[in-house]
Amino acid sequence: MLRTEKINNTIVVKFNKIDRFNALISEPVKEDLKSFFNKPDTRLILNLEGVKFIDSSGFGVFLSTLKTANNNHGQFKICNISEEVMELFKLLQLHNVFELYDSLEDCLKSFS
């Protein structure tokens, strides 16, 4: 469901052949994302490339992951957001809550 790679001490997570992040997959994704923050000072990027739709449970996963990251002195950022999904972030006023980046490159640079 999720593919993970490590780039410069940063964990980059991407959905594997999934274009809709909804209630059907939100619980296992939440557990996977939160587990990365078992170690303090973790840097995690969620690359949303290819994701065209996120429902409320998906956004709930993002908020829960951000809270876990903050509690463990970690950082959680999101990149490669489609126009459709960015509209949802704005509609929910979540573009002010998360660190959002157009590209993985920009997101990686933001850590330095």
N, C-alpha and C. Protein backbone atom coordinates (compact mmCIF):
# COMPACT_ATOMS: atom_id res chain seq x y z
N MET A 1 0.82 -1.20 0.00
CA MET A 1 0.00 0.00 0.00
C MET A 1 0.87 1.26 0.00
N LEU A 2 1.93 1.26 0.84
CA LEU A 2 2.85 2.40 0.90
C LEU A 2 4.24 1.95 0.49
N ARG A 3 4.92 2.79 -0.25
CA ARG A 3 6.33 2.56 -0.60
C ARG A 3 7.16 3.56 0.18
N THR A 4 8.28 3.10 0.69
CA THR A 4 9.13 3.95 1.52
C THR A 4 10.55 3.97 0.98
N GLU A 5 11.15 5.14 0.99
CA GLU A 5 12.58 5.25 0.69
C GLU A 5 13.18 6.29 1.62
N LYS A 6 14.49 6.21 1.80
CA LYS A 6 15.17 7.16 2.67
C LYS A 6 16.08 8.02 1.82
N ILE A 7 15.92 9.35 1.95
CA ILE A 7 16.74 10.31 1.22
C ILE A 7 17.31 11.30 2.24
N ASN A 8 18.62 11.33 2.38
CA ASN A 8 19.28 12.29 3.30
C ASN A 8 18.64 12.34 4.68
N ASN A 9 18.57 11.22 5.36
CA ASN A 9 17.99 11.16 6.72
C ASN A 9 16.50 11.51 6.78
N THR A 10 15.84 11.51 5.64
CA THR A 10 14.41 11.80 5.59
C THR A 10 13.68 10.60 5.00
N ILE A 11 12.61 10.20 5.65
CA ILE A 11 11.79 9.09 5.13
C ILE A 11 10.78 9.68 4.16
N VAL A 12 10.72 9.13 2.96
CA VAL A 12 9.76 9.57 1.96
C VAL A 12 8.79 8.41 1.71
N VAL A 13 7.51 8.68 1.93
CA VAL A 13 6.47 7.67 1.78
C VAL A 13 5.55 8.06 0.64
N LYS A 14 5.20 7.07 -0.17
CA LYS A 14 4.33 7.31 -1.33
C LYS A 14 3.32 6.18 -1.42
N PHE A 15 2.11 6.49 -1.86
CA PHE A 15 1.11 5.46 -2.09
C PHE A 15 1.50 4.62 -3.29
N ASN A 16 1.32 3.32 -3.19
CA ASN A 16 1.67 2.41 -4.26
C ASN A 16 0.42 2.05 -5.07
N LYS A 17 0.29 2.66 -6.24
CA LYS A 17 -0.82 2.39 -7.16
C LYS A 17 -2.18 2.67 -6.54
N ILE A 18 -2.26 3.74 -5.76
CA ILE A 18 -3.53 4.14 -5.13
C ILE A 18 -3.77 5.60 -5.50
N ASP A 19 -4.97 5.90 -6.06
CA ASP A 19 -5.26 7.29 -6.41
C ASP A 19 -6.37 7.91 -5.56
N ARG A 20 -6.93 7.09 -4.65
CA ARG A 20 -7.97 7.58 -3.75
C ARG A 20 -7.61 7.18 -2.33
N PHE A 21 -7.44 8.18 -1.47
CA PHE A 21 -7.14 7.91 -0.06
C PHE A 21 -8.43 8.11 0.70
N ASN A 22 -9.07 6.99 1.08
CA ASN A 22 -10.40 7.07 1.70
C ASN A 22 -10.50 6.12 2.89
N ALA A 23 -11.71 6.02 3.43
CA ALA A 23 -11.95 5.24 4.65
C ALA A 23 -11.55 3.77 4.49
N LEU A 24 -11.56 3.26 3.29
CA LEU A 24 -11.24 1.85 3.08
C LEU A 24 -9.79 1.52 3.46
N ILE A 25 -8.90 2.49 3.34
CA ILE A 25 -7.48 2.22 3.62
C ILE A 25 -6.91 3.13 4.71
N SER A 26 -7.72 3.99 5.28
CA SER A 26 -7.17 5.00 6.20
C SER A 26 -6.55 4.41 7.46
N GLU A 27 -7.15 3.39 8.05
CA GLU A 27 -6.64 2.86 9.32
C GLU A 27 -5.25 2.23 9.18
N PRO A 28 -5.04 1.33 8.21
CA PRO A 28 -3.67 0.78 8.08
C PRO A 28 -2.64 1.84 7.70
N VAL A 29 -3.04 2.81 6.89
CA VAL A 29 -2.11 3.88 6.51
C VAL A 29 -1.75 4.71 7.74
N LYS A 30 -2.74 5.01 8.58
CA LYS A 30 -2.48 5.78 9.80
C LYS A 30 -1.48 5.05 10.69
N GLU A 31 -1.68 3.77 10.89
CA GLU A 31 -0.77 2.99 11.74
C GLU A 31 0.64 2.99 11.16
N ASP A 32 0.74 2.81 9.84
CA ASP A 32 2.06 2.81 9.19
C ASP A 32 2.76 4.15 9.36
N LEU A 33 2.05 5.25 9.08
CA LEU A 33 2.66 6.58 9.16
C LEU A 33 3.07 6.92 10.59
N LYS A 34 2.20 6.63 11.55
CA LYS A 34 2.51 6.96 12.94
C LYS A 34 3.67 6.13 13.47
N SER A 35 3.85 4.91 12.96
CA SER A 35 4.92 4.04 13.45
C SER A 35 6.30 4.61 13.14
N PHE A 36 6.42 5.42 12.10
CA PHE A 36 7.70 6.03 11.77
C PHE A 36 8.19 6.97 12.88
N PHE A 37 7.26 7.48 13.68
CA PHE A 37 7.60 8.45 14.71
C PHE A 37 7.86 7.79 16.07
N ASN A 38 8.06 6.45 16.07
CA ASN A 38 8.45 5.77 17.30
C ASN A 38 9.82 6.25 17.77
N LYS A 39 10.64 6.68 16.81
CA LYS A 39 11.94 7.27 17.14
C LYS A 39 11.79 8.78 17.11
N PRO A 40 12.32 9.50 18.11
CA PRO A 40 12.21 10.97 18.10
C PRO A 40 13.02 11.58 16.96
N ASP A 41 12.66 12.80 16.60
CA ASP A 41 13.36 13.59 15.57
C ASP A 41 13.27 13.00 14.16
N THR A 42 12.25 12.21 13.91
CA THR A 42 12.04 11.64 12.58
C THR A 42 11.55 12.72 11.62
N ARG A 43 12.09 12.68 10.41
CA ARG A 43 11.63 13.59 9.34
C ARG A 43 10.92 12.74 8.30
N LEU A 44 9.63 13.03 8.07
CA LEU A 44 8.81 12.23 7.15
C LEU A 44 8.14 13.13 6.13
N ILE A 45 8.26 12.73 4.87
CA ILE A 45 7.55 13.41 3.78
C ILE A 45 6.54 12.42 3.21
N LEU A 46 5.31 12.87 3.07
CA LEU A 46 4.29 12.09 2.37
C LEU A 46 4.17 12.66 0.98
N ASN A 47 4.55 11.87 -0.01
CA ASN A 47 4.49 12.28 -1.41
C ASN A 47 3.14 11.83 -1.97
N LEU A 48 2.27 12.79 -2.28
CA LEU A 48 0.92 12.47 -2.75
C LEU A 48 0.82 12.39 -4.27
N GLU A 49 1.93 12.23 -4.94
CA GLU A 49 1.92 12.11 -6.40
C GLU A 49 0.97 10.99 -6.82
N GLY A 50 0.05 11.30 -7.73
CA GLY A 50 -0.90 10.31 -8.24
C GLY A 50 -2.19 10.22 -7.47
N VAL A 51 -2.27 10.86 -6.30
CA VAL A 51 -3.50 10.81 -5.49
C VAL A 51 -4.44 11.92 -5.97
N LYS A 52 -5.63 11.52 -6.40
CA LYS A 52 -6.59 12.47 -6.98
C LYS A 52 -7.73 12.83 -6.03
N PHE A 53 -7.90 12.03 -4.96
CA PHE A 53 -9.03 12.28 -4.05
C PHE A 53 -8.65 11.83 -2.64
N ILE A 54 -9.04 12.64 -1.65
CA ILE A 54 -8.87 12.29 -0.25
C ILE A 54 -10.18 12.62 0.47
N ASP A 55 -10.69 11.67 1.23
CA ASP A 55 -11.93 11.95 1.97
C ASP A 55 -11.59 12.38 3.40
N SER A 56 -12.60 12.60 4.21
CA SER A 56 -12.39 13.13 5.56
C SER A 56 -11.54 12.20 6.41
N SER A 57 -11.68 10.90 6.22
CA SER A 57 -10.86 9.98 7.03
C SER A 57 -9.39 10.10 6.64
N GLY A 58 -9.11 10.37 5.38
CA GLY A 58 -7.73 10.59 4.93
C GLY A 58 -7.13 11.83 5.57
N PHE A 59 -7.90 12.91 5.60
CA PHE A 59 -7.42 14.14 6.24
C PHE A 59 -7.25 13.92 7.75
N GLY A 60 -8.11 13.08 8.33
CA GLY A 60 -7.97 12.72 9.73
C GLY A 60 -6.65 12.01 10.00
N VAL A 61 -6.24 11.16 9.07
CA VAL A 61 -4.95 10.47 9.18
C VAL A 61 -3.82 11.49 9.17
N PHE A 62 -3.90 12.48 8.28
CA PHE A 62 -2.86 13.51 8.22
C PHE A 62 -2.75 14.26 9.56
N LEU A 63 -3.89 14.64 10.12
CA LEU A 63 -3.90 15.37 11.39
C LEU A 63 -3.35 14.52 12.52
N SER A 64 -3.74 13.26 12.56
CA SER A 64 -3.26 12.35 13.58
C SER A 64 -1.75 12.14 13.46
N THR A 65 -1.26 12.02 12.23
CA THR A 65 0.17 11.83 11.99
C THR A 65 0.94 13.08 12.41
N LEU A 66 0.40 14.25 12.09
CA LEU A 66 1.06 15.51 12.47
C LEU A 66 1.15 15.63 13.99
N LYS A 67 0.09 15.26 14.68
CA LYS A 67 0.09 15.32 16.15
C LYS A 67 1.14 14.36 16.72
N THR A 68 1.21 13.15 16.19
CA THR A 68 2.20 12.18 16.64
C THR A 68 3.61 12.70 16.38
N ALA A 69 3.81 13.28 15.20
CA ALA A 69 5.13 13.84 14.85
C ALA A 69 5.52 14.93 15.84
N ASN A 70 4.62 15.85 16.10
CA ASN A 70 4.90 16.96 17.02
C ASN A 70 5.19 16.45 18.44
N ASN A 71 4.46 15.45 18.87
CA ASN A 71 4.67 14.89 20.21
C ASN A 71 6.02 14.20 20.36
N ASN A 72 6.60 13.77 19.24
CA ASN A 72 7.87 13.05 19.26
C ASN A 72 9.00 13.88 18.65
N HIS A 73 8.82 15.19 18.61
CA HIS A 73 9.83 16.11 18.08
C HIS A 73 10.19 15.77 16.63
N GLY A 74 9.23 15.25 15.89
CA GLY A 74 9.46 14.91 14.49
C GLY A 74 8.90 15.99 13.58
N GLN A 75 9.09 15.78 12.29
CA GLN A 75 8.56 16.72 11.29
C GLN A 75 7.81 15.92 10.24
N PHE A 76 6.62 16.41 9.87
CA PHE A 76 5.77 15.76 8.87
C PHE A 76 5.40 16.80 7.83
N LYS A 77 5.79 16.53 6.58
CA LYS A 77 5.50 17.45 5.47
C LYS A 77 4.87 16.68 4.33
N ILE A 78 4.16 17.40 3.47
CA ILE A 78 3.44 16.77 2.36
C ILE A 78 3.82 17.46 1.06
N CYS A 79 3.99 16.68 0.00
CA CYS A 79 4.36 17.27 -1.30
C CYS A 79 3.61 16.62 -2.46
N ASN A 80 3.78 17.22 -3.64
CA ASN A 80 3.18 16.73 -4.89
C ASN A 80 1.67 16.56 -4.79
N ILE A 81 1.00 17.62 -4.42
CA ILE A 81 -0.45 17.58 -4.21
C ILE A 81 -1.14 18.00 -5.50
N SER A 82 -2.06 17.17 -5.96
CA SER A 82 -2.79 17.50 -7.19
C SER A 82 -3.68 18.72 -6.97
N GLU A 83 -4.09 19.35 -8.06
CA GLU A 83 -4.96 20.53 -7.94
C GLU A 83 -6.26 20.20 -7.20
N GLU A 84 -6.82 19.04 -7.53
CA GLU A 84 -8.09 18.64 -6.90
C GLU A 84 -7.94 18.49 -5.39
N VAL A 85 -6.86 17.85 -4.99
CA VAL A 85 -6.63 17.62 -3.56
C VAL A 85 -6.26 18.94 -2.85
N MET A 86 -5.51 19.79 -3.53
CA MET A 86 -5.16 21.09 -2.93
C MET A 86 -6.42 21.92 -2.67
N GLU A 87 -7.39 21.82 -3.56
CA GLU A 87 -8.66 22.52 -3.33
C GLU A 87 -9.32 22.04 -2.03
N LEU A 88 -9.22 20.75 -1.76
CA LEU A 88 -9.79 20.21 -0.52
C LEU A 88 -9.01 20.72 0.69
N PHE A 89 -7.66 20.74 0.59
CA PHE A 89 -6.86 21.30 1.69
C PHE A 89 -7.30 22.73 1.99
N LYS A 90 -7.50 23.52 0.93
CA LYS A 90 -7.90 24.93 1.12
C LYS A 90 -9.32 25.05 1.67
N LEU A 91 -10.21 24.24 1.15
CA LEU A 91 -11.60 24.26 1.60
C LEU A 91 -11.69 23.97 3.10
N LEU A 92 -10.85 23.05 3.56
CA LEU A 92 -10.83 22.67 4.97
C LEU A 92 -9.90 23.54 5.81
N GLN A 93 -9.27 24.54 5.18
CA GLN A 93 -8.31 25.43 5.84
C GLN A 93 -7.09 24.68 6.38
N LEU A 94 -6.79 23.52 5.79
CA LEU A 94 -5.65 22.73 6.26
C LEU A 94 -4.34 23.13 5.59
N HIS A 95 -4.42 23.97 4.55
CA HIS A 95 -3.19 24.45 3.92
C HIS A 95 -2.42 25.36 4.89
N ASN A 96 -3.11 25.84 5.94
CA ASN A 96 -2.47 26.66 6.97
C ASN A 96 -1.91 25.81 8.11
N VAL A 97 -2.28 24.54 8.15
CA VAL A 97 -1.89 23.65 9.25
C VAL A 97 -0.64 22.85 8.88
N PHE A 98 -0.59 22.38 7.64
CA PHE A 98 0.50 21.51 7.19
C PHE A 98 1.53 22.29 6.38
N GLU A 99 2.74 21.75 6.36
CA GLU A 99 3.76 22.28 5.46
C GLU A 99 3.59 21.53 4.14
N LEU A 100 3.14 22.27 3.11
CA LEU A 100 2.84 21.69 1.81
C LEU A 100 3.82 22.22 0.78
N TYR A 101 4.31 21.33 -0.09
CA TYR A 101 5.29 21.71 -1.11
C TYR A 101 4.88 21.16 -2.46
N ASP A 102 5.22 21.92 -3.50
CA ASP A 102 4.88 21.51 -4.87
C ASP A 102 5.62 20.26 -5.31
N SER A 103 6.89 20.15 -4.91
CA SER A 103 7.70 19.04 -5.38
C SER A 103 8.45 18.37 -4.22
N LEU A 104 8.88 17.15 -4.46
CA LEU A 104 9.68 16.42 -3.47
C LEU A 104 11.00 17.16 -3.24
N GLU A 105 11.56 17.67 -4.30
CA GLU A 105 12.83 18.41 -4.22
C GLU A 105 12.70 19.61 -3.26
N ASP A 106 11.66 20.43 -3.47
CA ASP A 106 11.43 21.60 -2.60
C ASP A 106 11.22 21.17 -1.15
N CYS A 107 10.50 20.07 -0.97
CA CYS A 107 10.20 19.58 0.36
C CYS A 107 11.48 19.12 1.06
N LEU A 108 12.33 18.40 0.36
CA LEU A 108 13.61 17.96 0.93
C LEU A 108 14.49 19.16 1.29
N LYS A 109 14.52 20.17 0.44
CA LYS A 109 15.33 21.37 0.70
C LYS A 109 14.85 22.10 1.96
N SER A 110 13.58 22.01 2.25
CA SER A 110 13.01 22.74 3.39
C SER A 110 13.56 22.26 4.74
N PHE A 111 14.16 21.08 4.79
CA PHE A 111 14.70 20.58 6.04
C PHE A 111 16.04 21.21 6.39
N SER A 112 16.75 21.75 5.39
CA SER A 112 18.10 22.27 5.68
C SER A 112 18.08 23.72 6.11
